[in-house]
């Protein structure tokens, strides 16, 4: 069995490496994590101050304020004319590009006069939610990887060949889960580093296991209705936009009645658990619900897998 599993993993790894869709799936959450990580700096009410080289000590700027150093006035203008709220100080005057928020300008004027300022940024809770939602993106495509791996087998007409090989029927599916898991764990680790997740081994491993279980259920459930790429894409659009993104996102950010609606979506529980990494409060209810639903669904799928185009058909004697 081990030999059969390693052989299938090697084959699926080779196919995944050649698939441009898999590469896009790997890179998407990483790119969005970089975007989310820049929110704090870009939208902070406290500007980053730019001073000339050698003049750092002349300006009594608060220790909490990030100070950038320019070697020339032209370099200072390039820094200031950026998307971030950067404001320069030159010859006792502020250098701006006219796009800075009013609150940032007010604080810059106070710093120029040597007055104390409030260095607080936007709501910490808001940033934690944004970071959690972006980190949640590492799990969004787990089921999609499994579904398209199965569809690709169907397209290449290798599904029937697998059924006659001397391995247990679960091995081909398990190898796809392993490949999808490796991709997910890699994305989760990179995004966690970018988004400054407070690392706690136990909760992190628990969330990864739950994410893998839910993703496996989703991918295999969609396989009941999709045997071609066209059918897979037709199913993925509503599932991804509504089930994976819209409902969890609205419940997460709006709360209230949307929270009650989103509670019917297992991926909303996963999103809440990921947010719990930042708040250090993993709600055990979401853990229990996730395991119960995942294991129950996987049992039902296993009992009926022979009905799909990817399972071994059962033959009944007359």
C-alpha atoms as a PDB file:
ATOM      1  CA  UNK A   1       0.000   0.000   0.000  1.00  0.00           C
ATOM      2  CA  UNK A   2       2.834   2.407   0.865  1.00  0.00           C
ATOM      3  CA  UNK A   3       4.515   1.730  -2.444  1.00  0.00           C
ATOM      4  CA  UNK A   4       1.256   2.295  -4.297  1.00  0.00           C
ATOM      5  CA  UNK A   5       0.597   5.558  -2.458  1.00  0.00           C
ATOM      6  CA  UNK A   6       4.093   6.924  -3.091  1.00  0.00           C
ATOM      7  CA  UNK A   7       3.793   6.047  -6.780  1.00  0.00           C
ATOM      8  CA  UNK A   8       0.475   7.880  -7.110  1.00  0.00           C
ATOM      9  CA  UNK A   9       1.771  10.882  -5.134  1.00  0.00           C
ATOM     10  CA  UNK A  10       4.754  11.142  -7.471  1.00  0.00           C
ATOM     11  CA  UNK A  11       2.468  10.983 -10.496  1.00  0.00           C
ATOM     12  CA  UNK A  12       0.021  13.569  -9.120  1.00  0.00           C
ATOM     13  CA  UNK A  13       2.896  15.838  -8.114  1.00  0.00           C
ATOM     14  CA  UNK A  14       4.241  15.744 -11.685  1.00  0.00           C
ATOM     15  CA  UNK A  15       0.810  16.558 -13.107  1.00  0.00           C
ATOM     16  CA  UNK A  16       0.284  19.384 -10.601  1.00  0.00           C
ATOM     17  CA  UNK A  17       3.685  20.894 -11.379  1.00  0.00           C
ATOM     18  CA  UNK A  18       2.775  21.101 -15.067  1.00  0.00           C
ATOM     19  CA  UNK A  19      -0.690  22.559 -14.437  1.00  0.00           C
ATOM     20  CA  UNK A  20      -0.797  26.367 -14.714  1.00  0.00           C
ATOM     21  CA  UNK A  21      -4.053  26.418 -12.731  1.00  0.00           C
ATOM     22  CA  UNK A  22      -2.289  24.839  -9.756  1.00  0.00           C
ATOM     23  CA  UNK A  23       0.423  27.512  -9.889  1.00  0.00           C
ATOM     24  CA  UNK A  24      -2.214  30.255  -9.931  1.00  0.00           C
ATOM     25  CA  UNK A  25      -3.919  28.618  -6.952  1.00  0.00           C
ATOM     26  CA  UNK A  26      -0.596  28.545  -5.086  1.00  0.00           C
ATOM     27  CA  UNK A  27       0.229  32.186  -5.825  1.00  0.00           C
ATOM     28  CA  UNK A  28      -3.215  33.767  -5.333  1.00  0.00           C
ATOM     29  CA  UNK A  29      -3.384  33.686  -1.500  1.00  0.00           C
ATOM     30  CA  UNK A  30       0.274  34.780  -1.281  1.00  0.00           C
ATOM     31  CA  UNK A  31      -0.364  37.836  -3.466  1.00  0.00           C
ATOM     32  CA  UNK A  32      -3.482  38.782  -1.486  1.00  0.00           C
ATOM     33  CA  UNK A  33      -1.533  38.334   1.765  1.00  0.00           C
ATOM     34  CA  UNK A  34       1.072  40.834   0.569  1.00  0.00           C
ATOM     35  CA  UNK A  35      -1.765  43.230  -0.271  1.00  0.00           C
ATOM     36  CA  UNK A  36      -3.352  42.823   3.139  1.00  0.00           C
ATOM     37  CA  UNK A  37      -0.038  43.258   4.944  1.00  0.00           C
ATOM     38  CA  UNK A  38       0.366  46.695   3.378  1.00  0.00           C
ATOM     39  CA  UNK A  39      -2.964  47.995   4.649  1.00  0.00           C
ATOM     40  CA  UNK A  40      -1.618  49.035   8.041  1.00  0.00           C
ATOM     41  CA  UNK A  41       1.066  51.253   6.546  1.00  0.00           C
ATOM     42  CA  UNK A  42      -0.936  52.581   3.616  1.00  0.00           C
ATOM     43  CA  UNK A  43      -4.102  53.529   5.491  1.00  0.00           C
ATOM     44  CA  UNK A  44      -2.648  54.518   8.838  1.00  0.00           C
ATOM     45  CA  UNK A  45      -3.743  57.902  10.191  1.00  0.00           C
ATOM     46  CA  UNK A  46      -0.151  58.423  11.323  1.00  0.00           C
ATOM     47  CA  UNK A  47       2.070  59.363   8.334  1.00  0.00           C
ATOM     48  CA  UNK A  48       5.588  58.165   7.693  1.00  0.00           C
ATOM     49  CA  UNK A  49       7.917  61.164   7.859  1.00  0.00           C
ATOM     50  CA  UNK A  50      10.723  61.752   5.350  1.00  0.00           C
ATOM     51  CA  UNK A  51      13.747  63.828   6.415  1.00  0.00           C
ATOM     52  CA  UNK A  52      17.011  64.758   4.718  1.00  0.00           C
ATOM     53  CA  UNK A  53      20.123  62.728   5.441  1.00  0.00           C
ATOM     54  CA  UNK A  54      21.987  64.275   8.369  1.00  0.00           C
ATOM     55  CA  UNK A  55      18.943  66.121   9.686  1.00  0.00           C
ATOM     56  CA  UNK A  56      17.376  63.263  11.656  1.00  0.00           C
ATOM     57  CA  UNK A  57      18.409  64.695  15.015  1.00  0.00           C
ATOM     58  CA  UNK A  58      17.071  68.158  14.198  1.00  0.00           C
ATOM     59  CA  UNK A  59      13.459  66.931  14.209  1.00  0.00           C
ATOM     60  CA  UNK A  60      12.044  65.741  17.507  1.00  0.00           C
ATOM     61  CA  UNK A  61       9.736  63.062  16.063  1.00  0.00           C
ATOM     62  CA  UNK A  62       7.898  60.506  18.257  1.00  0.00           C
ATOM     63  CA  UNK A  63       9.618  57.140  18.546  1.00  0.00           C
ATOM     64  CA  UNK A  64       6.442  55.376  17.271  1.00  0.00           C
ATOM     65  CA  UNK A  65       6.569  57.269  13.940  1.00  0.00           C
ATOM     66  CA  UNK A  66       8.438  55.608  11.085  1.00  0.00           C
ATOM     67  CA  UNK A  67      11.137  57.961   9.759  1.00  0.00           C
ATOM     68  CA  UNK A  68      12.593  57.573   6.255  1.00  0.00           C
ATOM     69  CA  UNK A  69      15.814  59.266   5.144  1.00  0.00           C
ATOM     70  CA  UNK A  70      16.320  60.862   1.718  1.00  0.00           C
ATOM     71  CA  UNK A  71      19.718  61.774   0.272  1.00  0.00           C
ATOM     72  CA  UNK A  72      18.337  64.599  -1.864  1.00  0.00           C
ATOM     73  CA  UNK A  73      15.223  66.718  -2.299  1.00  0.00           C
ATOM     74  CA  UNK A  74      14.390  64.859  -5.509  1.00  0.00           C
ATOM     75  CA  UNK A  75      14.518  61.554  -3.655  1.00  0.00           C
ATOM     76  CA  UNK A  76      12.304  63.031  -0.947  1.00  0.00           C
ATOM     77  CA  UNK A  77       9.713  64.035  -3.563  1.00  0.00           C
ATOM     78  CA  UNK A  78       9.743  60.504  -5.001  1.00  0.00           C
ATOM     79  CA  UNK A  79       9.075  59.069  -1.533  1.00  0.00           C
ATOM     80  CA  UNK A  80       6.320  61.564  -0.802  1.00  0.00           C
ATOM     81  CA  UNK A  81       4.638  61.077  -4.189  1.00  0.00           C
ATOM     82  CA  UNK A  82       3.850  57.476  -3.307  1.00  0.00           C
ATOM     83  CA  UNK A  83       0.547  55.822  -2.414  1.00  0.00           C
ATOM     84  CA  UNK A  84       1.486  55.691   1.266  1.00  0.00           C
ATOM     85  CA  UNK A  85       0.845  58.599   3.605  1.00  0.00           C
ATOM     86  CA  UNK A  86       4.423  59.883   3.501  1.00  0.00           C
ATOM     87  CA  UNK A  87       5.126  63.537   4.353  1.00  0.00           C
ATOM     88  CA  UNK A  88       8.507  65.193   4.096  1.00  0.00           C
ATOM     89  CA  UNK A  89      10.132  67.894   6.210  1.00  0.00           C
ATOM     90  CA  UNK A  90      12.468  70.295   4.414  1.00  0.00           C
ATOM     91  CA  UNK A  91      13.635  73.766   5.496  1.00  0.00           C
ATOM     92  CA  UNK A  92      11.077  73.846   8.284  1.00  0.00           C
ATOM     93  CA  UNK A  93       8.132  73.127   5.950  1.00  0.00           C
ATOM     94  CA  UNK A  94       6.074  70.078   5.031  1.00  0.00           C
ATOM     95  CA  UNK A  95       6.509  68.441   1.637  1.00  0.00           C
ATOM     96  CA  UNK A  96       3.272  66.804   0.434  1.00  0.00           C
ATOM     97  CA  UNK A  97       1.636  65.674  -2.787  1.00  0.00           C
ATOM     98  CA  UNK A  98      -1.869  66.848  -1.844  1.00  0.00           C
ATOM     99  CA  UNK A  99      -3.319  63.350  -1.433  1.00  0.00           C
ATOM    100  CA  UNK A 100      -2.588  62.846   2.260  1.00  0.00           C
ATOM    101  CA  UNK A 101      -5.555  62.343   4.612  1.00  0.00           C
ATOM    102  CA  UNK A 102      -6.552  65.372   6.670  1.00  0.00           C
ATOM    103  CA  UNK A 103      -5.800  63.521   9.894  1.00  0.00           C
ATOM    104  CA  UNK A 104      -2.300  62.667   8.649  1.00  0.00           C
ATOM    105  CA  UNK A 105      -1.651  66.300   7.696  1.00  0.00           C
ATOM    106  CA  UNK A 106      -2.859  67.490  11.092  1.00  0.00           C
ATOM    107  CA  UNK A 107      -0.480  65.101  12.861  1.00  0.00           C
ATOM    108  CA  UNK A 108       2.418  66.094  10.592  1.00  0.00           C
ATOM    109  CA  UNK A 109       1.861  69.778  11.448  1.00  0.00           C
ATOM    110  CA  UNK A 110       1.799  68.906  15.153  1.00  0.00           C
ATOM    111  CA  UNK A 111       5.080  67.006  14.810  1.00  0.00           C
ATOM    112  CA  UNK A 112       6.629  69.930  12.940  1.00  0.00           C
ATOM    113  CA  UNK A 113       5.718  72.183  15.880  1.00  0.00           C
ATOM    114  CA  UNK A 114       6.991  69.624  18.387  1.00  0.00           C
ATOM    115  CA  UNK A 115       3.524  68.950  19.802  1.00  0.00           C
ATOM    116  CA  UNK A 116       2.511  65.439  21.038  1.00  0.00           C
ATOM    117  CA  UNK A 117       0.296  63.345  18.765  1.00  0.00           C
ATOM    118  CA  UNK A 118      -1.862  60.245  19.015  1.00  0.00           C
ATOM    119  CA  UNK A 119       0.029  57.513  17.120  1.00  0.00           C
ATOM    120  CA  UNK A 120      -2.846  55.011  17.127  1.00  0.00           C
ATOM    121  CA  UNK A 121      -3.737  53.522  13.731  1.00  0.00           C
ATOM    122  CA  UNK A 122      -7.003  52.192  12.417  1.00  0.00           C
ATOM    123  CA  UNK A 123      -8.937  49.618  14.441  1.00  0.00           C
ATOM    124  CA  UNK A 124      -6.752  46.655  15.380  1.00  0.00           C
ATOM    125  CA  UNK A 125      -9.824  44.428  15.231  1.00  0.00           C
ATOM    126  CA  UNK A 126     -10.476  45.499  11.637  1.00  0.00           C
ATOM    127  CA  UNK A 127      -6.941  44.618  10.583  1.00  0.00           C
ATOM    128  CA  UNK A 128      -7.124  41.274  12.344  1.00  0.00           C
ATOM    129  CA  UNK A 129     -10.330  40.461  10.458  1.00  0.00           C
ATOM    130  CA  UNK A 130      -8.811  41.482   7.136  1.00  0.00           C
ATOM    131  CA  UNK A 131      -5.710  39.414   7.859  1.00  0.00           C
ATOM    132  CA  UNK A 132      -7.816  36.418   8.948  1.00  0.00           C
ATOM    133  CA  UNK A 133      -9.919  36.556   5.777  1.00  0.00           C
ATOM    134  CA  UNK A 134      -6.786  36.683   3.628  1.00  0.00           C
ATOM    135  CA  UNK A 135      -5.241  33.783   5.559  1.00  0.00           C
ATOM    136  CA  UNK A 136      -8.492  31.892   5.049  1.00  0.00           C
ATOM    137  CA  UNK A 137      -7.747  32.175   1.318  1.00  0.00           C
ATOM    138  CA  UNK A 138      -5.065  29.498   1.718  1.00  0.00           C
ATOM    139  CA  UNK A 139      -7.874  26.932   2.164  1.00  0.00           C
ATOM    140  CA  UNK A 140     -10.270  28.244  -0.494  1.00  0.00           C
ATOM    141  CA  UNK A 141      -8.902  26.176  -3.343  1.00  0.00           C
ATOM    142  CA  UNK A 142      -8.277  22.862  -1.591  1.00  0.00           C
ATOM    143  CA  UNK A 143     -11.476  21.300  -2.914  1.00  0.00           C
ATOM    144  CA  UNK A 144     -10.886  22.822  -6.346  1.00  0.00           C
ATOM    145  CA  UNK A 145      -7.486  21.117  -6.597  1.00  0.00           C
ATOM    146  CA  UNK A 146      -9.039  17.739  -5.809  1.00  0.00           C
ATOM    147  CA  UNK A 147     -11.945  18.263  -8.213  1.00  0.00           C
ATOM    148  CA  UNK A 148      -9.770  19.272 -11.165  1.00  0.00           C
ATOM    149  CA  UNK A 149      -7.321  16.452 -10.421  1.00  0.00           C
ATOM    150  CA  UNK A 150     -10.208  14.008 -10.702  1.00  0.00           C
ATOM    151  CA  UNK A 151     -11.554  15.718 -13.829  1.00  0.00           C
ATOM    152  CA  UNK A 152      -8.108  15.581 -15.416  1.00  0.00           C
ATOM    153  CA  UNK A 153      -7.948  11.843 -14.761  1.00  0.00           C
ATOM    154  CA  UNK A 154     -11.344  11.495 -16.386  1.00  0.00           C
ATOM    155  CA  UNK A 155     -10.275  13.616 -19.364  1.00  0.00           C
ATOM    156  CA  UNK A 156      -7.104  11.591 -19.915  1.00  0.00           C
ATOM    157  CA  UNK A 157      -9.094   8.348 -19.587  1.00  0.00           C
ATOM    158  CA  UNK A 158      -6.859   7.071 -16.788  1.00  0.00           C
ATOM    159  CA  UNK A 159      -9.676   6.555 -14.278  1.00  0.00           C
ATOM    160  CA  UNK A 160     -10.536   3.086 -15.585  1.00  0.00           C
ATOM    161  CA  UNK A 161      -6.841   2.166 -15.662  1.00  0.00           C
ATOM    162  CA  UNK A 162      -6.536   2.968 -11.958  1.00  0.00           C
ATOM    163  CA  UNK A 163      -9.365   0.569 -11.160  1.00  0.00           C
ATOM    164  CA  UNK A 164      -7.476  -2.422 -12.526  1.00  0.00           C
ATOM    165  CA  UNK A 165      -4.173  -1.636 -10.815  1.00  0.00           C
ATOM    166  CA  UNK A 166      -3.225  -3.752  -7.765  1.00  0.00           C
ATOM    167  CA  UNK A 167      -3.872  -0.986  -5.228  1.00  0.00           C
ATOM    168  CA  UNK A 168      -6.783  -0.164  -2.974  1.00  0.00           C
ATOM    169  CA  UNK A 169      -9.332   2.181  -4.669  1.00  0.00           C
ATOM    170  CA  UNK A 170      -8.766   4.783  -1.950  1.00  0.00           C
ATOM    171  CA  UNK A 171      -5.079   5.239  -2.884  1.00  0.00           C
ATOM    172  CA  UNK A 172      -5.634   7.456  -5.991  1.00  0.00           C
ATOM    173  CA  UNK A 173      -7.944   9.745  -3.988  1.00  0.00           C
ATOM    174  CA  UNK A 174      -5.608   9.808  -0.999  1.00  0.00           C
ATOM    175  CA  UNK A 175      -2.652  10.858  -3.182  1.00  0.00           C
ATOM    176  CA  UNK A 176      -4.664  13.828  -4.494  1.00  0.00           C
ATOM    177  CA  UNK A 177      -5.531  14.817  -0.929  1.00  0.00           C
ATOM    178  CA  UNK A 178      -1.833  14.630  -0.015  1.00  0.00           C
ATOM    179  CA  UNK A 179      -0.822  16.904  -2.923  1.00  0.00           C
ATOM    180  CA  UNK A 180      -3.602  19.400  -2.123  1.00  0.00           C
ATOM    181  CA  UNK A 181      -2.578  19.297   1.559  1.00  0.00           C
ATOM    182  CA  UNK A 182       1.063  20.062   0.749  1.00  0.00           C
ATOM    183  CA  UNK A 183       0.015  23.048  -1.375  1.00  0.00           C
ATOM    184  CA  UNK A 184      -2.349  24.306   1.327  1.00  0.00           C
ATOM    185  CA  UNK A 185       0.152  23.940   4.162  1.00  0.00           C
ATOM    186  CA  UNK A 186       2.810  25.737   2.119  1.00  0.00           C
ATOM    187  CA  UNK A 187       0.422  28.616   1.320  1.00  0.00           C
ATOM    188  CA  UNK A 188      -0.769  28.762   4.922  1.00  0.00           C
ATOM    189  CA  UNK A 189       2.792  28.921   6.246  1.00  0.00           C
ATOM    190  CA  UNK A 190       3.890  31.668   3.836  1.00  0.00           C
ATOM    191  CA  UNK A 191       0.724  33.733   4.394  1.00  0.00           C
ATOM    192  CA  UNK A 192       1.011  33.278   8.172  1.00  0.00           C
ATOM    193  CA  UNK A 193       4.508  34.755   8.045  1.00  0.00           C
ATOM    194  CA  UNK A 194       3.407  37.682   5.868  1.00  0.00           C
ATOM    195  CA  UNK A 195       0.323  38.417   7.978  1.00  0.00           C
ATOM    196  CA  UNK A 196       2.092  38.107  11.348  1.00  0.00           C
ATOM    197  CA  UNK A 197      -0.006  35.273  12.759  1.00  0.00           C
ATOM    198  CA  UNK A 198       0.736  34.640  16.462  1.00  0.00           C
ATOM    199  CA  UNK A 199       2.197  31.133  16.117  1.00  0.00           C
ATOM    200  CA  UNK A 200       0.751  28.486  18.419  1.00  0.00           C
ATOM    201  CA  UNK A 201       1.494  24.956  17.233  1.00  0.00           C
ATOM    202  CA  UNK A 202      -1.618  23.244  18.651  1.00  0.00           C
ATOM    203  CA  UNK A 203      -4.260  25.672  17.282  1.00  0.00           C
ATOM    204  CA  UNK A 204      -2.432  25.994  13.944  1.00  0.00           C
ATOM    205  CA  UNK A 205      -2.303  22.214  13.418  1.00  0.00           C
ATOM    206  CA  UNK A 206      -5.960  21.918  14.437  1.00  0.00           C
ATOM    207  CA  UNK A 207      -7.017  24.553  11.902  1.00  0.00           C
ATOM    208  CA  UNK A 208      -4.954  22.919   9.146  1.00  0.00           C
ATOM    209  CA  UNK A 209      -6.577  19.524   9.825  1.00  0.00           C
ATOM    210  CA  UNK A 210     -10.074  21.044   9.813  1.00  0.00           C
ATOM    211  CA  UNK A 211      -9.332  22.975   6.617  1.00  0.00           C
ATOM    212  CA  UNK A 212      -8.097  19.805   4.902  1.00  0.00           C
ATOM    213  CA  UNK A 213     -11.152  17.815   6.023  1.00  0.00           C
ATOM    214  CA  UNK A 214     -13.619  20.481   4.842  1.00  0.00           C
ATOM    215  CA  UNK A 215     -11.754  20.923   1.554  1.00  0.00           C
ATOM    216  CA  UNK A 216     -11.766  17.174   0.927  1.00  0.00           C
ATOM    217  CA  UNK A 217     -15.505  17.015   1.556  1.00  0.00           C
ATOM    218  CA  UNK A 218     -16.142  19.926  -0.803  1.00  0.00           C
ATOM    219  CA  UNK A 219     -13.945  18.578  -3.606  1.00  0.00           C
ATOM    220  CA  UNK A 220     -15.375  15.078  -3.479  1.00  0.00           C
ATOM    221  CA  UNK A 221     -18.951  16.341  -3.141  1.00  0.00           C
ATOM    222  CA  UNK A 222     -18.552  18.441  -6.298  1.00  0.00           C
ATOM    223  CA  UNK A 223     -17.135  15.387  -8.071  1.00  0.00           C
ATOM    224  CA  UNK A 224     -20.591  13.761  -7.810  1.00  0.00           C
ATOM    225  CA  UNK A 225     -21.871  16.326 -10.319  1.00  0.00           C
ATOM    226  CA  UNK A 226     -18.838  17.107 -12.483  1.00  0.00           C
ATOM    227  CA  UNK A 227     -17.089  14.690 -14.799  1.00  0.00           C
ATOM    228  CA  UNK A 228     -15.845  17.258 -17.361  1.00  0.00           C
ATOM    229  CA  UNK A 229     -14.009  20.589 -17.128  1.00  0.00           C
ATOM    230  CA  UNK A 230     -17.104  22.434 -18.378  1.00  0.00           C
ATOM    231  CA  UNK A 231     -19.278  20.930 -15.656  1.00  0.00           C
ATOM    232  CA  UNK A 232     -16.586  21.592 -13.034  1.00  0.00           C
ATOM    233  CA  UNK A 233     -16.343  25.270 -13.972  1.00  0.00           C
ATOM    234  CA  UNK A 234     -20.127  25.619 -13.982  1.00  0.00           C
ATOM    235  CA  UNK A 235     -20.269  24.271 -10.427  1.00  0.00           C
ATOM    236  CA  UNK A 236     -17.242  26.170  -9.154  1.00  0.00           C
ATOM    237  CA  UNK A 237     -18.527  29.657  -9.974  1.00  0.00           C
ATOM    238  CA  UNK A 238     -21.520  29.667  -7.600  1.00  0.00           C
ATOM    239  CA  UNK A 239     -19.783  27.472  -5.019  1.00  0.00           C
ATOM    240  CA  UNK A 240     -16.688  29.692  -4.818  1.00  0.00           C
ATOM    241  CA  UNK A 241     -18.436  33.060  -4.954  1.00  0.00           C
ATOM    242  CA  UNK A 242     -21.358  32.241  -2.670  1.00  0.00           C
ATOM    243  CA  UNK A 243     -20.451  29.297  -0.462  1.00  0.00           C
ATOM    244  CA  UNK A 244     -16.740  29.999   0.048  1.00  0.00           C
ATOM    245  CA  UNK A 245     -16.508  33.804  -0.121  1.00  0.00           C
ATOM    246  CA  UNK A 246     -19.760  35.794   0.043  1.00  0.00           C
ATOM    247  CA  UNK A 247     -21.563  34.027   2.904  1.00  0.00           C
ATOM    248  CA  UNK A 248     -18.502  33.618   5.181  1.00  0.00           C
ATOM    249  CA  UNK A 249     -17.308  37.149   4.374  1.00  0.00           C
ATOM    250  CA  UNK A 250     -20.643  38.860   5.034  1.00  0.00           C
ATOM    251  CA  UNK A 251     -21.184  36.907   8.238  1.00  0.00           C
ATOM    252  CA  UNK A 252     -17.644  37.676   9.377  1.00  0.00           C
ATOM    253  CA  UNK A 253     -17.568  41.424   8.710  1.00  0.00           C
ATOM    254  CA  UNK A 254     -21.229  42.383   9.173  1.00  0.00           C
ATOM    255  CA  UNK A 255     -22.288  40.068  11.992  1.00  0.00           C
ATOM    256  CA  UNK A 256     -25.882  40.262  13.230  1.00  0.00           C
ATOM    257  CA  UNK A 257     -28.376  38.416  11.074  1.00  0.00           C
ATOM    258  CA  UNK A 258     -25.654  37.607   8.531  1.00  0.00           C
ATOM    259  CA  UNK A 259     -23.743  35.776  11.260  1.00  0.00           C
ATOM    260  CA  UNK A 260     -26.834  33.612  11.875  1.00  0.00           C
ATOM    261  CA  UNK A 261     -27.143  32.906   8.131  1.00  0.00           C
ATOM    262  CA  UNK A 262     -23.432  32.134   7.771  1.00  0.00           C
ATOM    263  CA  UNK A 263     -23.548  29.639  10.638  1.00  0.00           C
ATOM    264  CA  UNK A 264     -25.076  27.183   8.150  1.00  0.00           C
ATOM    265  CA  UNK A 265     -21.828  27.315   6.130  1.00  0.00           C
ATOM    266  CA  UNK A 266     -19.013  25.079   7.503  1.00  0.00           C
ATOM    267  CA  UNK A 267     -16.363  27.290   5.910  1.00  0.00           C
ATOM    268  CA  UNK A 268     -17.591  30.163   8.056  1.00  0.00           C
ATOM    269  CA  UNK A 269     -16.608  28.072  11.075  1.00  0.00           C
ATOM    270  CA  UNK A 270     -13.135  27.662   9.584  1.00  0.00           C
ATOM    271  CA  UNK A 271     -12.862  31.427   9.046  1.00  0.00           C
ATOM    272  CA  UNK A 272     -13.867  32.044  12.663  1.00  0.00           C
ATOM    273  CA  UNK A 273     -11.242  29.580  13.860  1.00  0.00           C
ATOM    274  CA  UNK A 274      -8.545  31.333  11.824  1.00  0.00           C
ATOM    275  CA  UNK A 275      -9.591  34.664  13.338  1.00  0.00           C
ATOM    276  CA  UNK A 276      -9.227  32.984  16.719  1.00  0.00           C
ATOM    277  CA  UNK A 277      -5.473  32.725  16.074  1.00  0.00           C
ATOM    278  CA  UNK A 278      -5.276  36.518  16.310  1.00  0.00           C
ATOM    279  CA  UNK A 279      -7.617  36.892  19.268  1.00  0.00           C
ATOM    280  CA  UNK A 280      -6.218  33.807  21.055  1.00  0.00           C
ATOM    281  CA  UNK A 281      -9.796  32.521  21.430  1.00  0.00           C
ATOM    282  CA  UNK A 282     -10.549  29.341  19.498  1.00  0.00           C
ATOM    283  CA  UNK A 283     -14.240  28.672  19.934  1.00  0.00           C
ATOM    284  CA  UNK A 284     -14.593  24.915  20.680  1.00  0.00           C
ATOM    285  CA  UNK A 285     -18.093  24.934  19.174  1.00  0.00           C
ATOM    286  CA  UNK A 286     -16.634  25.575  15.699  1.00  0.00           C
ATOM    287  CA  UNK A 287     -14.111  22.782  16.255  1.00  0.00           C
ATOM    288  CA  UNK A 288     -16.755  20.222  17.243  1.00  0.00           C
ATOM    289  CA  UNK A 289     -19.113  21.238  14.434  1.00  0.00           C
ATOM    290  CA  UNK A 290     -16.325  21.056  11.853  1.00  0.00           C
ATOM    291  CA  UNK A 291     -15.224  17.559  12.866  1.00  0.00           C
ATOM    292  CA  UNK A 292     -18.772  16.189  13.153  1.00  0.00           C
ATOM    293  CA  UNK A 293     -19.885  17.540   9.777  1.00  0.00           C
ATOM    294  CA  UNK A 294     -16.636  16.579   8.005  1.00  0.00           C
ATOM    295  CA  UNK A 295     -16.509  13.005   9.273  1.00  0.00           C
ATOM    296  CA  UNK A 296     -20.231  12.455   8.671  1.00  0.00           C
ATOM    297  CA  UNK A 297     -19.998  13.836   5.135  1.00  0.00           C
ATOM    298  CA  UNK A 298     -16.874  11.807   4.323  1.00  0.00           C
ATOM    299  CA  UNK A 299     -18.615   8.645   5.508  1.00  0.00           C
ATOM    300  CA  UNK A 300     -21.628   9.323   3.258  1.00  0.00           C
ATOM    301  CA  UNK A 301     -19.354  10.137   0.316  1.00  0.00           C
ATOM    302  CA  UNK A 302     -17.340   6.939   0.816  1.00  0.00           C
ATOM    303  CA  UNK A 303     -20.527   4.839   0.882  1.00  0.00           C
ATOM    304  CA  UNK A 304     -21.757   6.404  -2.350  1.00  0.00           C
ATOM    305  CA  UNK A 305     -18.480   7.032  -4.174  1.00  0.00           C
ATOM    306  CA  UNK A 306     -19.201   4.159  -6.568  1.00  0.00           C
ATOM    307  CA  UNK A 307     -22.003   6.292  -8.049  1.00  0.00           C
ATOM    308  CA  UNK A 308     -19.510   8.857  -9.357  1.00  0.00           C
ATOM    309  CA  UNK A 309     -17.553   8.536 -12.621  1.00  0.00           C
ATOM    310  CA  UNK A 310     -14.399   8.109 -10.534  1.00  0.00           C
ATOM    311  CA  UNK A 311     -15.450   5.220  -8.287  1.00  0.00           C
ATOM    312  CA  UNK A 312     -15.410   1.484  -8.838  1.00  0.00           C
ATOM    313  CA  UNK A 313     -18.886   0.397  -9.881  1.00  0.00           C
ATOM    314  CA  UNK A 314     -20.703  -2.186  -7.828  1.00  0.00           C
ATOM    315  CA  UNK A 315     -22.047  -5.179  -9.751  1.00  0.00           C
ATOM    316  CA  UNK A 316     -25.223  -6.822  -8.476  1.00  0.00           C
ATOM    317  CA  UNK A 317     -26.005 -10.434  -9.320  1.00  0.00           C
ATOM    318  CA  UNK A 318     -29.443 -11.068 -10.760  1.00  0.00           C
END
